[in-house]
Amino acid sequence: MMLHGETIQSPLPMDIPWWAPDHFVFFGVLYAVLFVLFAGLGYVVFKSAAQAAQDCQGGGSHH
């Protein structure tokens, strides 16, 4: 647990002093952006794998 006035030791959520407004805003936005990026990346990987599996079975259309 961190005390007031300490600096952060790591960017992990449990090590951030969430009571400090500047830390709350910065890391809140950072984690939101990272979540959106990784969710989009996961969606693309999943859809690509599903389409590749469908193409291997002969069900896909070739352009």
Protein backbone atom coordinates (compact mmCIF):
# COMPACT_ATOMS: atom_id res chain seq x y z
CA MET A 1 0.00 0.00 0.00
CA MET A 2 1.33 3.40 -0.92
CA LEU A 3 1.37 6.44 1.30
CA HIS A 4 0.59 10.00 0.22
CA GLY A 5 3.67 11.57 -1.36
CA GLU A 6 5.22 8.34 -2.62
CA THR A 7 6.00 7.87 -6.27
CA ILE A 8 4.60 4.91 -8.16
CA GLN A 9 6.68 1.74 -8.16
CA SER A 10 5.06 0.12 -11.21
CA PRO A 11 2.21 0.85 -13.64
CA LEU A 12 0.17 -2.10 -12.36
CA PRO A 13 -3.31 -1.14 -11.11
CA MET A 14 -2.62 -2.28 -7.54
CA ASP A 15 0.52 -0.12 -7.28
CA ILE A 16 -1.04 3.17 -8.44
CA PRO A 17 -2.17 5.78 -5.90
CA TRP A 18 -5.72 6.16 -7.24
CA TRP A 19 -6.50 8.90 -4.69
CA ALA A 20 -4.28 11.34 -6.62
CA PRO A 21 -6.41 12.96 -9.37
CA ASP A 22 -3.53 13.30 -11.84
CA HIS A 23 -2.64 9.62 -11.51
CA PHE A 24 -6.31 8.65 -11.74
CA VAL A 25 -6.88 10.58 -14.98
CA PHE A 26 -3.61 9.60 -16.67
CA PHE A 27 -3.73 5.89 -15.88
CA GLY A 28 -7.51 5.70 -16.39
CA VAL A 29 -7.14 7.05 -19.93
CA LEU A 30 -4.04 4.91 -20.55
CA TYR A 31 -5.81 1.71 -19.51
CA ALA A 32 -8.93 2.63 -21.52
CA VAL A 33 -6.86 3.21 -24.67
CA LEU A 34 -4.90 -0.02 -24.16
CA PHE A 35 -8.14 -1.95 -23.64
CA VAL A 36 -9.63 -0.60 -26.88
CA LEU A 37 -6.44 -1.35 -28.84
CA PHE A 38 -6.09 -4.89 -27.53
CA ALA A 39 -9.82 -5.60 -27.94
CA GLY A 40 -9.59 -4.50 -31.59
CA LEU A 41 -6.45 -6.54 -32.12
CA GLY A 42 -8.09 -9.58 -30.56
CA TYR A 43 -11.14 -9.14 -32.78
CA VAL A 44 -8.97 -8.94 -35.91
CA VAL A 45 -6.95 -12.03 -34.93
CA PHE A 46 -10.13 -13.98 -34.13
CA LYS A 47 -11.87 -13.01 -37.38
CA SER A 48 -8.72 -13.78 -39.41
CA ALA A 49 -8.35 -17.20 -37.81
CA ALA A 50 -12.05 -17.95 -38.37
CA GLN A 51 -11.82 -16.88 -42.02
CA ALA A 52 -8.64 -18.91 -42.55
CA ALA A 53 -10.30 -21.98 -41.06
CA GLN A 54 -13.30 -21.45 -43.33
CA ASP A 55 -11.03 -21.06 -46.39
CA CYS A 56 -9.18 -24.28 -45.52
CA GLN A 57 -12.48 -26.15 -45.53
CA GLY A 58 -13.27 -24.85 -49.00
CA GLY A 59 -16.19 -22.70 -47.93
CA GLY A 60 -14.60 -19.32 -48.59
CA SER A 61 -14.81 -17.25 -51.71
CA HIS A 62 -11.57 -16.24 -53.39
CA HIS A 63 -11.30 -12.70 -54.74
